[in-house]
Amino acid sequence: RSIIRRTGESSESAEDFASHLEGRITALSRIHAVVTRDPLAGFDLAELIADELRAGAAREDRQFSLSGPLVRIKGKAAESIGLAMHELATNALKYGALTVPRGFIRIEWRLDERDASSWLVLDWTETGMSGRQLGPGRQGFGTVLLEQMLPYDVGARVTRRFEPSGLHCEIWLPAEHILKR
């Protein structure tokens, strides 16, 4: 219900609402399909991210790259991170790196120790936007998801910066959501 309500609040028309809602429900259904088959196996982080980018027609190696250790995350965190990746990919397709010929998205992750805690750090970096106007527009569902829902749902810490070359977003996920390393 929260996704429906927030999608409605940030939509400009019925068509916009339907399109965004369908994309978000499809993203969640991809995750649920895998998690339901084997709830204890968790979700492969690289697969989760790649699925969201490919769903938007992004081409690996030409438009995005993934790098990081093998990590499986628990179902609830997979839902939240999957939806965040969907929102970042959608925004890259509409406004960011995937709108320009040389645009590229580099997604890296690592395990980190900070503040006496263990974290999985996801680093989303868009490049190729030099000379294009960047910056936050209206506060849509993606912004609310990243800045409010992720911290509330899974205890994540999120930072977003609009740099001259493109968006840079870092998501710090508490390691308690990691199933296997």
N, C-alpha and C. Protein backbone atom coordinates (compact mmCIF):
# COMPACT_ATOMS: atom_id res chain seq x y z
N ARG A 1 0.82 -1.19 0.00
CA ARG A 1 0.00 0.00 0.00
C ARG A 1 0.86 1.25 0.00
N SER A 2 1.97 1.18 0.71
CA SER A 2 2.87 2.33 0.76
C SER A 2 3.40 2.67 -0.63
N ILE A 3 3.77 1.66 -1.39
CA ILE A 3 4.28 1.89 -2.75
C ILE A 3 3.20 2.54 -3.61
N ILE A 4 1.98 2.07 -3.50
CA ILE A 4 0.87 2.63 -4.29
C ILE A 4 0.64 4.08 -3.90
N ARG A 5 0.57 4.33 -2.59
CA ARG A 5 0.31 5.70 -2.11
C ARG A 5 1.42 6.65 -2.55
N ARG A 6 2.66 6.25 -2.33
CA ARG A 6 3.78 7.13 -2.68
C ARG A 6 3.93 7.30 -4.19
N THR A 7 3.61 6.27 -4.95
CA THR A 7 3.64 6.39 -6.41
C THR A 7 2.59 7.40 -6.85
N GLY A 8 1.41 7.33 -6.25
CA GLY A 8 0.35 8.28 -6.58
C GLY A 8 0.73 9.71 -6.24
N GLU A 9 1.40 9.89 -5.09
CA GLU A 9 1.80 11.24 -4.67
C GLU A 9 2.82 11.87 -5.61
N SER A 10 3.65 11.04 -6.25
CA SER A 10 4.72 11.60 -7.09
C SER A 10 4.43 11.49 -8.58
N SER A 11 3.23 11.02 -8.94
CA SER A 11 2.88 10.88 -10.35
C SER A 11 2.19 12.12 -10.87
N GLU A 12 2.47 12.44 -12.14
CA GLU A 12 1.90 13.63 -12.75
C GLU A 12 0.63 13.36 -13.54
N SER A 13 0.39 12.08 -13.88
CA SER A 13 -0.80 11.71 -14.64
C SER A 13 -1.15 10.26 -14.35
N ALA A 14 -2.32 9.83 -14.81
CA ALA A 14 -2.72 8.44 -14.63
C ALA A 14 -1.76 7.50 -15.37
N GLU A 15 -1.31 7.92 -16.55
CA GLU A 15 -0.37 7.09 -17.32
C GLU A 15 0.97 6.98 -16.60
N ASP A 16 1.42 8.09 -16.04
CA ASP A 16 2.66 8.13 -15.28
C ASP A 16 2.54 7.20 -14.06
N PHE A 17 1.43 7.28 -13.36
CA PHE A 17 1.16 6.43 -12.20
C PHE A 17 1.21 4.96 -12.60
N ALA A 18 0.49 4.61 -13.66
CA ALA A 18 0.43 3.20 -14.10
C ALA A 18 1.81 2.68 -14.49
N SER A 19 2.55 3.48 -15.22
CA SER A 19 3.88 3.07 -15.67
C SER A 19 4.83 2.84 -14.50
N HIS A 20 4.88 3.80 -13.58
CA HIS A 20 5.77 3.68 -12.42
C HIS A 20 5.36 2.52 -11.52
N LEU A 21 4.07 2.40 -11.28
CA LEU A 21 3.59 1.33 -10.41
C LEU A 21 3.90 -0.03 -11.01
N GLU A 22 3.68 -0.18 -12.30
CA GLU A 22 3.98 -1.45 -12.96
C GLU A 22 5.46 -1.79 -12.85
N GLY A 23 6.34 -0.83 -13.07
CA GLY A 23 7.77 -1.07 -12.95
C GLY A 23 8.17 -1.50 -11.55
N ARG A 24 7.60 -0.87 -10.54
CA ARG A 24 7.94 -1.20 -9.15
C ARG A 24 7.41 -2.57 -8.76
N ILE A 25 6.20 -2.89 -9.18
CA ILE A 25 5.63 -4.20 -8.87
C ILE A 25 6.42 -5.29 -9.61
N THR A 26 6.81 -5.04 -10.83
CA THR A 26 7.60 -6.01 -11.59
C THR A 26 8.95 -6.24 -10.92
N ALA A 27 9.58 -5.18 -10.44
CA ALA A 27 10.86 -5.32 -9.74
C ALA A 27 10.69 -6.20 -8.50
N LEU A 28 9.65 -5.94 -7.72
CA LEU A 28 9.40 -6.75 -6.53
C LEU A 28 9.08 -8.20 -6.89
N SER A 29 8.33 -8.41 -7.97
CA SER A 29 7.96 -9.77 -8.34
C SER A 29 9.18 -10.58 -8.79
N ARG A 30 10.15 -9.94 -9.46
CA ARG A 30 11.38 -10.65 -9.83
C ARG A 30 12.10 -11.15 -8.59
N ILE A 31 12.15 -10.33 -7.57
CA ILE A 31 12.82 -10.71 -6.33
C ILE A 31 12.04 -11.80 -5.62
N HIS A 32 10.73 -11.64 -5.52
CA HIS A 32 9.90 -12.64 -4.83
C HIS A 32 9.99 -14.00 -5.51
N ALA A 33 10.06 -14.01 -6.83
CA ALA A 33 10.14 -15.28 -7.55
C ALA A 33 11.37 -16.07 -7.12
N VAL A 34 12.49 -15.40 -6.95
CA VAL A 34 13.73 -16.08 -6.55
C VAL A 34 13.68 -16.44 -5.07
N VAL A 35 13.28 -15.50 -4.25
CA VAL A 35 13.27 -15.74 -2.80
C VAL A 35 12.28 -16.85 -2.43
N THR A 36 11.16 -16.93 -3.12
CA THR A 36 10.14 -17.93 -2.79
C THR A 36 10.61 -19.34 -3.14
N ARG A 37 11.40 -19.47 -4.19
CA ARG A 37 11.90 -20.80 -4.56
C ARG A 37 12.72 -21.41 -3.45
N ASP A 38 13.55 -20.62 -2.80
CA ASP A 38 14.39 -21.13 -1.72
C ASP A 38 14.67 -19.98 -0.75
N PRO A 39 13.75 -19.78 0.21
CA PRO A 39 13.85 -18.62 1.11
C PRO A 39 15.16 -18.57 1.91
N LEU A 40 15.77 -19.72 2.18
CA LEU A 40 16.98 -19.74 2.99
C LEU A 40 18.24 -19.46 2.17
N ALA A 41 18.13 -19.52 0.86
CA ALA A 41 19.31 -19.32 0.00
C ALA A 41 19.67 -17.86 -0.14
N GLY A 42 18.74 -16.96 0.09
CA GLY A 42 19.01 -15.54 -0.09
C GLY A 42 19.07 -15.17 -1.55
N PHE A 43 19.59 -13.99 -1.82
CA PHE A 43 19.59 -13.45 -3.18
C PHE A 43 21.00 -12.99 -3.53
N ASP A 44 21.51 -13.42 -4.67
CA ASP A 44 22.82 -13.00 -5.13
C ASP A 44 22.79 -11.52 -5.49
N LEU A 45 23.63 -10.73 -4.84
CA LEU A 45 23.61 -9.28 -5.02
C LEU A 45 23.89 -8.87 -6.46
N ALA A 46 24.89 -9.47 -7.10
CA ALA A 46 25.22 -9.13 -8.48
C ALA A 46 24.05 -9.41 -9.41
N GLU A 47 23.39 -10.54 -9.20
CA GLU A 47 22.22 -10.89 -10.02
C GLU A 47 21.08 -9.90 -9.81
N LEU A 48 20.87 -9.52 -8.57
CA LEU A 48 19.81 -8.57 -8.23
C LEU A 48 20.02 -7.24 -8.96
N ILE A 49 21.23 -6.71 -8.92
CA ILE A 49 21.53 -5.43 -9.55
C ILE A 49 21.46 -5.55 -11.07
N ALA A 50 22.07 -6.59 -11.62
CA ALA A 50 22.08 -6.78 -13.08
C ALA A 50 20.67 -6.94 -13.63
N ASP A 51 19.82 -7.68 -12.91
CA ASP A 51 18.43 -7.86 -13.36
C ASP A 51 17.71 -6.53 -13.50
N GLU A 52 17.91 -5.64 -12.54
CA GLU A 52 17.23 -4.35 -12.60
C GLU A 52 17.73 -3.50 -13.75
N LEU A 53 19.03 -3.51 -14.00
CA LEU A 53 19.57 -2.73 -15.11
C LEU A 53 19.16 -3.33 -16.45
N ARG A 54 19.21 -4.64 -16.57
CA ARG A 54 18.81 -5.28 -17.83
C ARG A 54 17.32 -5.09 -18.10
N ALA A 55 16.51 -5.05 -17.05
CA ALA A 55 15.06 -4.84 -17.23
C ALA A 55 14.79 -3.50 -17.89
N GLY A 56 15.69 -2.55 -17.70
CA GLY A 56 15.57 -1.25 -18.34
C GLY A 56 16.32 -1.17 -19.66
N ALA A 57 16.76 -2.30 -20.17
CA ALA A 57 17.45 -2.42 -21.46
C ALA A 57 18.88 -1.91 -21.44
N ALA A 58 19.48 -1.80 -20.26
CA ALA A 58 20.90 -1.42 -20.20
C ALA A 58 21.75 -2.63 -20.57
N ARG A 59 22.87 -2.37 -21.23
CA ARG A 59 23.74 -3.45 -21.70
C ARG A 59 25.03 -3.47 -20.87
N GLU A 60 25.26 -4.65 -20.25
CA GLU A 60 26.46 -4.81 -19.43
C GLU A 60 27.70 -4.65 -20.30
N ASP A 61 28.73 -4.09 -19.72
CA ASP A 61 30.01 -3.77 -20.35
C ASP A 61 29.94 -2.55 -21.27
N ARG A 62 28.81 -2.28 -21.89
CA ARG A 62 28.68 -1.10 -22.73
C ARG A 62 28.08 0.07 -21.97
N GLN A 63 27.17 -0.22 -21.02
CA GLN A 63 26.51 0.85 -20.28
C GLN A 63 26.65 0.73 -18.78
N PHE A 64 27.04 -0.45 -18.30
CA PHE A 64 27.26 -0.60 -16.86
C PHE A 64 28.24 -1.72 -16.58
N SER A 65 28.85 -1.64 -15.40
CA SER A 65 29.73 -2.72 -14.93
C SER A 65 29.41 -2.99 -13.46
N LEU A 66 29.63 -4.23 -13.07
CA LEU A 66 29.41 -4.67 -11.70
C LEU A 66 30.71 -5.25 -11.16
N SER A 67 31.01 -4.94 -9.90
CA SER A 67 32.19 -5.54 -9.32
C SER A 67 32.08 -5.56 -7.81
N GLY A 68 32.45 -6.70 -7.24
CA GLY A 68 32.42 -6.87 -5.80
C GLY A 68 32.49 -8.34 -5.45
N PRO A 69 32.65 -8.64 -4.17
CA PRO A 69 32.73 -10.03 -3.75
C PRO A 69 31.38 -10.73 -3.87
N LEU A 70 31.42 -12.05 -3.92
CA LEU A 70 30.18 -12.83 -3.92
C LEU A 70 29.46 -12.59 -2.60
N VAL A 71 28.23 -12.09 -2.69
CA VAL A 71 27.44 -11.78 -1.49
C VAL A 71 26.01 -12.21 -1.75
N ARG A 72 25.42 -12.90 -0.78
CA ARG A 72 24.00 -13.24 -0.83
C ARG A 72 23.34 -12.49 0.32
N ILE A 73 22.20 -11.86 0.02
CA ILE A 73 21.52 -11.09 1.06
C ILE A 73 20.15 -11.70 1.34
N LYS A 74 19.68 -11.46 2.54
CA LYS A 74 18.40 -12.01 3.00
C LYS A 74 17.24 -11.39 2.24
N GLY A 75 16.10 -12.09 2.25
CA GLY A 75 14.92 -11.71 1.49
C GLY A 75 14.43 -10.29 1.69
N LYS A 76 14.26 -9.86 2.93
CA LYS A 76 13.74 -8.51 3.19
C LYS A 76 14.69 -7.45 2.65
N ALA A 77 15.98 -7.65 2.87
CA ALA A 77 16.96 -6.69 2.35
C ALA A 77 16.98 -6.74 0.83
N ALA A 78 16.81 -7.93 0.24
CA ALA A 78 16.78 -8.06 -1.22
C ALA A 78 15.62 -7.25 -1.80
N GLU A 79 14.47 -7.28 -1.15
CA GLU A 79 13.32 -6.48 -1.61
C GLU A 79 13.67 -5.00 -1.60
N SER A 80 14.21 -4.54 -0.49
CA SER A 80 14.52 -3.11 -0.34
C SER A 80 15.62 -2.67 -1.30
N ILE A 81 16.70 -3.44 -1.37
CA ILE A 81 17.82 -3.08 -2.25
C ILE A 81 17.39 -3.22 -3.71
N GLY A 82 16.62 -4.25 -4.03
CA GLY A 82 16.14 -4.43 -5.40
C GLY A 82 15.29 -3.25 -5.85
N LEU A 83 14.42 -2.78 -4.99
CA LEU A 83 13.58 -1.64 -5.33
C LEU A 83 14.44 -0.37 -5.46
N ALA A 84 15.45 -0.22 -4.61
CA ALA A 84 16.36 0.92 -4.72
C ALA A 84 17.12 0.87 -6.05
N MET A 85 17.59 -0.31 -6.45
CA MET A 85 18.30 -0.45 -7.73
C MET A 85 17.35 -0.15 -8.90
N HIS A 86 16.10 -0.56 -8.77
CA HIS A 86 15.11 -0.26 -9.80
C HIS A 86 14.93 1.25 -9.95
N GLU A 87 14.82 1.95 -8.84
CA GLU A 87 14.64 3.40 -8.88
C GLU A 87 15.86 4.10 -9.45
N LEU A 88 17.06 3.67 -9.05
CA LEU A 88 18.28 4.28 -9.59
C LEU A 88 18.40 4.01 -11.10
N ALA A 89 18.08 2.78 -11.51
CA ALA A 89 18.16 2.44 -12.94
C ALA A 89 17.12 3.23 -13.73
N THR A 90 15.92 3.34 -13.22
CA THR A 90 14.86 4.10 -13.90
C THR A 90 15.27 5.56 -14.06
N ASN A 91 15.81 6.15 -13.01
CA ASN A 91 16.25 7.55 -13.10
C ASN A 91 17.43 7.71 -14.05
N ALA A 92 18.33 6.74 -14.11
CA ALA A 92 19.45 6.80 -15.06
C ALA A 92 18.93 6.75 -16.49
N LEU A 93 17.86 5.97 -16.72
CA LEU A 93 17.27 5.87 -18.05
C LEU A 93 16.50 7.13 -18.45
N LYS A 94 15.92 7.81 -17.47
CA LYS A 94 15.12 9.00 -17.76
C LYS A 94 15.92 10.28 -17.76
N TYR A 95 16.85 10.40 -16.79
CA TYR A 95 17.52 11.68 -16.58
C TYR A 95 19.04 11.60 -16.51
N GLY A 96 19.58 10.40 -16.33
CA GLY A 96 21.00 10.26 -16.01
C GLY A 96 21.86 9.69 -17.10
N ALA A 97 22.83 8.90 -16.68
CA ALA A 97 23.90 8.41 -17.56
C ALA A 97 23.39 7.63 -18.76
N LEU A 98 22.27 6.97 -18.64
CA LEU A 98 21.78 6.16 -19.77
C LEU A 98 21.01 6.99 -20.80
N THR A 99 21.01 8.31 -20.63
CA THR A 99 20.37 9.19 -21.62
C THR A 99 21.38 9.78 -22.60
N VAL A 100 22.67 9.55 -22.35
CA VAL A 100 23.71 10.11 -23.21
C VAL A 100 24.54 8.99 -23.83
N PRO A 101 25.07 9.20 -25.04
CA PRO A 101 25.79 8.14 -25.74
C PRO A 101 26.96 7.54 -24.95
N ARG A 102 27.71 8.37 -24.24
CA ARG A 102 28.87 7.85 -23.51
C ARG A 102 28.60 7.67 -22.02
N GLY A 103 27.34 7.69 -21.65
CA GLY A 103 27.00 7.50 -20.25
C GLY A 103 27.30 6.09 -19.79
N PHE A 104 27.70 5.97 -18.53
CA PHE A 104 28.08 4.67 -17.99
C PHE A 104 27.77 4.64 -16.50
N ILE A 105 27.41 3.47 -15.99
CA ILE A 105 27.15 3.29 -14.56
C ILE A 105 28.10 2.21 -14.05
N ARG A 106 28.85 2.57 -13.03
CA ARG A 106 29.74 1.61 -12.37
C ARG A 106 29.14 1.31 -11.01
N ILE A 107 28.84 0.04 -10.75
CA ILE A 107 28.30 -0.37 -9.46
C ILE A 107 29.31 -1.30 -8.82
N GLU A 108 29.80 -0.89 -7.67
CA GLU A 108 30.77 -1.68 -6.93
C GLU A 108 30.24 -1.89 -5.52
N TRP A 109 30.65 -2.98 -4.89
CA TRP A 109 30.29 -3.20 -3.49
C TRP A 109 31.47 -3.85 -2.78
N ARG A 110 31.47 -3.62 -1.48
CA ARG A 110 32.55 -4.14 -0.64
C ARG A 110 32.01 -4.31 0.78
N LEU A 111 32.74 -5.07 1.56
CA LEU A 111 32.44 -5.20 2.98
C LEU A 111 33.34 -4.23 3.71
N ASP A 112 32.80 -3.55 4.71
CA ASP A 112 33.54 -2.50 5.40
C ASP A 112 33.22 -2.55 6.88
N GLU A 113 34.18 -2.12 7.67
CA GLU A 113 34.00 -1.98 9.12
C GLU A 113 34.04 -0.50 9.45
N ARG A 114 33.01 0.00 10.10
CA ARG A 114 32.98 1.40 10.49
C ARG A 114 32.05 1.55 11.69
N ASP A 115 32.42 2.43 12.57
CA ASP A 115 31.61 2.70 13.77
C ASP A 115 31.32 1.42 14.55
N ALA A 116 32.33 0.55 14.65
CA ALA A 116 32.23 -0.73 15.37
C ALA A 116 31.14 -1.63 14.80
N SER A 117 30.82 -1.46 13.52
CA SER A 117 29.82 -2.29 12.86
C SER A 117 30.34 -2.77 11.51
N SER A 118 29.76 -3.86 11.04
CA SER A 118 30.10 -4.38 9.71
C SER A 118 29.02 -3.95 8.73
N TRP A 119 29.45 -3.58 7.53
CA TRP A 119 28.54 -3.06 6.52
C TRP A 119 28.82 -3.67 5.17
N LEU A 120 27.80 -3.74 4.35
CA LEU A 120 27.93 -3.98 2.92
C LEU A 120 27.73 -2.62 2.28
N VAL A 121 28.72 -2.13 1.54
CA VAL A 121 28.66 -0.81 0.94
C VAL A 121 28.46 -0.94 -0.57
N LEU A 122 27.35 -0.39 -1.07
CA LEU A 122 27.06 -0.36 -2.50
C LEU A 122 27.37 1.03 -3.02
N ASP A 123 28.15 1.10 -4.08
CA ASP A 123 28.59 2.38 -4.64
C ASP A 123 28.12 2.47 -6.09
N TRP A 124 27.13 3.32 -6.35
CA TRP A 124 26.54 3.53 -7.68
C TRP A 124 27.11 4.83 -8.23
N THR A 125 27.88 4.76 -9.32
CA THR A 125 28.51 5.96 -9.87
C THR A 125 28.17 6.09 -11.35
N GLU A 126 27.50 7.18 -11.70
CA GLU A 126 27.17 7.47 -13.09
C GLU A 126 28.20 8.45 -13.65
N THR A 127 28.61 8.22 -14.89
CA THR A 127 29.56 9.12 -15.55
C THR A 127 29.05 9.44 -16.96
N GLY A 128 29.68 10.45 -17.55
CA GLY A 128 29.34 10.82 -18.92
C GLY A 128 28.35 11.95 -19.03
N MET A 129 28.00 12.56 -17.93
CA MET A 129 26.99 13.62 -17.93
C MET A 129 27.58 15.02 -17.99
N SER A 130 28.88 15.14 -18.15
CA SER A 130 29.52 16.46 -18.17
C SER A 130 28.83 17.40 -19.15
N GLY A 131 28.57 18.61 -18.69
CA GLY A 131 27.91 19.60 -19.52
C GLY A 131 26.40 19.56 -19.46
N ARG A 132 25.82 18.56 -18.80
CA ARG A 132 24.37 18.48 -18.67
C ARG A 132 23.98 18.94 -17.28
N GLN A 133 22.83 19.55 -17.18
CA GLN A 133 22.37 20.03 -15.88
C GLN A 133 22.01 18.84 -15.00
N LEU A 134 22.58 18.81 -13.81
CA LEU A 134 22.32 17.74 -12.86
C LEU A 134 21.76 18.35 -11.58
N GLY A 135 21.14 17.50 -10.82
CA GLY A 135 20.68 17.95 -9.53
C GLY A 135 19.31 17.39 -9.24
N PRO A 136 18.95 17.42 -8.01
CA PRO A 136 17.66 16.88 -7.63
C PRO A 136 16.53 17.72 -8.19
N GLY A 137 15.55 17.07 -8.75
CA GLY A 137 14.35 17.75 -9.20
C GLY A 137 13.34 17.67 -8.07
N ARG A 138 12.16 17.29 -8.42
CA ARG A 138 11.15 17.12 -7.37
C ARG A 138 11.49 15.89 -6.54
N GLN A 139 10.95 15.84 -5.35
CA GLN A 139 11.22 14.70 -4.48
C GLN A 139 10.22 13.61 -4.79
N GLY A 140 10.63 12.69 -5.67
CA GLY A 140 9.75 11.60 -6.09
C GLY A 140 9.91 10.37 -5.22
N PHE A 141 9.30 9.29 -5.67
CA PHE A 141 9.32 8.04 -4.93
C PHE A 141 10.74 7.55 -4.69
N GLY A 142 11.61 7.64 -5.71
CA GLY A 142 12.98 7.16 -5.57
C GLY A 142 13.73 7.86 -4.46
N THR A 143 13.57 9.17 -4.36
CA THR A 143 14.23 9.94 -3.31
C THR A 143 13.70 9.51 -1.94
N VAL A 144 12.39 9.38 -1.83
CA VAL A 144 11.79 8.95 -0.56
C VAL A 144 12.27 7.55 -0.19
N LEU A 145 12.31 6.66 -1.18
CA LEU A 145 12.78 5.30 -0.93
C LEU A 145 14.20 5.31 -0.39
N LEU A 146 15.09 6.03 -1.08
CA LEU A 146 16.50 6.04 -0.68
C LEU A 146 16.73 6.74 0.65
N GLU A 147 16.08 7.87 0.86
CA GLU A 147 16.37 8.68 2.05
C GLU A 147 15.54 8.33 3.28
N GLN A 148 14.38 7.70 3.08
CA GLN A 148 13.52 7.41 4.22
C GLN A 148 13.22 5.93 4.40
N MET A 149 12.79 5.27 3.31
CA MET A 149 12.36 3.88 3.44
C MET A 149 13.51 2.92 3.70
N LEU A 150 14.62 3.06 2.98
CA LEU A 150 15.77 2.16 3.22
C LEU A 150 16.29 2.27 4.65
N PRO A 151 16.49 3.49 5.16
CA PRO A 151 16.92 3.58 6.56
C PRO A 151 15.90 2.95 7.52
N TYR A 152 14.63 3.16 7.29
CA TYR A 152 13.60 2.62 8.17
C TYR A 152 13.48 1.10 8.04
N ASP A 153 13.42 0.60 6.80
CA ASP A 153 13.18 -0.83 6.57
C ASP A 153 14.36 -1.72 6.93
N VAL A 154 15.58 -1.31 6.59
CA VAL A 154 16.73 -2.19 6.78
C VAL A 154 17.91 -1.52 7.50
N GLY A 155 17.70 -0.33 8.04
CA GLY A 155 18.76 0.35 8.78
C GLY A 155 19.90 0.86 7.91
N ALA A 156 19.64 1.07 6.63
CA ALA A 156 20.68 1.52 5.71
C ALA A 156 21.00 3.00 5.93
N ARG A 157 22.21 3.36 5.53
CA ARG A 157 22.63 4.76 5.47
C ARG A 157 22.85 5.08 4.00
N VAL A 158 22.29 6.19 3.54
CA VAL A 158 22.36 6.53 2.12
C VAL A 158 22.88 7.94 1.95
N THR A 159 23.81 8.10 1.00
CA THR A 159 24.25 9.44 0.60
C THR A 159 24.13 9.53 -0.91
N ARG A 160 23.66 10.68 -1.39
CA ARG A 160 23.57 10.94 -2.83
C ARG A 160 24.23 12.28 -3.10
N ARG A 161 25.04 12.30 -4.17
CA ARG A 161 25.67 13.54 -4.59
C ARG A 161 25.52 13.67 -6.10
N PHE A 162 25.20 14.87 -6.52
CA PHE A 162 25.13 15.15 -7.96
C PHE A 162 26.43 15.83 -8.34
N GLU A 163 27.31 15.05 -8.96
CA GLU A 163 28.63 15.53 -9.34
C GLU A 163 28.60 15.96 -10.81
N PRO A 164 29.61 16.70 -11.27
CA PRO A 164 29.61 17.16 -12.67
C PRO A 164 29.50 16.02 -13.69
N SER A 165 30.02 14.84 -13.37
CA SER A 165 29.97 13.73 -14.33
C SER A 165 28.70 12.89 -14.19
N GLY A 166 27.97 13.05 -13.08
CA GLY A 166 26.74 12.28 -12.89
C GLY A 166 26.46 11.98 -11.43
N LEU A 167 25.40 11.24 -11.20
CA LEU A 167 24.97 10.89 -9.84
C LEU A 167 25.94 9.92 -9.20
N HIS A 168 26.19 10.13 -7.91
CA HIS A 168 26.94 9.17 -7.10
C HIS A 168 26.08 8.87 -5.88
N CYS A 169 25.75 7.60 -5.69
CA CYS A 169 24.92 7.18 -4.56
C CYS A 169 25.63 6.05 -3.82
N GLU A 170 25.72 6.19 -2.51
CA GLU A 170 26.33 5.16 -1.69
C GLU A 170 25.28 4.66 -0.70
N ILE A 171 25.14 3.33 -0.63
CA ILE A 171 24.20 2.71 0.30
C ILE A 171 24.99 1.81 1.23
N TRP A 172 24.90 2.09 2.52
CA TRP A 172 25.55 1.28 3.54
C TRP A 172 24.48 0.40 4.19
N LEU A 173 24.57 -0.90 3.95
CA LEU A 173 23.60 -1.87 4.47
C LEU A 173 24.24 -2.63 5.62
N PRO A 174 23.59 -2.65 6.80
CA PRO A 174 24.17 -3.41 7.92
C PRO A 174 24.42 -4.88 7.52
N ALA A 175 25.56 -5.41 7.92
CA ALA A 175 25.97 -6.75 7.52
C ALA A 175 25.04 -7.84 8.05
N GLU A 176 24.19 -7.51 9.00
CA GLU A 176 23.22 -8.51 9.49
C GLU A 176 22.29 -8.99 8.39
N HIS A 177 22.20 -8.24 7.29
CA HIS A 177 21.35 -8.62 6.16
C HIS A 177 22.07 -9.52 5.16
N ILE A 178 23.34 -9.79 5.41
CA ILE A 178 24.11 -10.67 4.53
C ILE A 178 23.93 -12.11 4.99
N LEU A 179 23.61 -12.97 4.05
CA LEU A 179 23.41 -14.38 4.36
C LEU A 179 24.72 -15.14 4.22
N LYS A 180 25.41 -14.94 3.08
CA LYS A 180 26.67 -15.63 2.81
C LYS A 180 27.66 -14.64 2.23
N ARG A 181 28.93 -14.86 2.52
CA ARG A 181 29.99 -14.07 1.91
C ARG A 181 30.86 -14.96 1.10
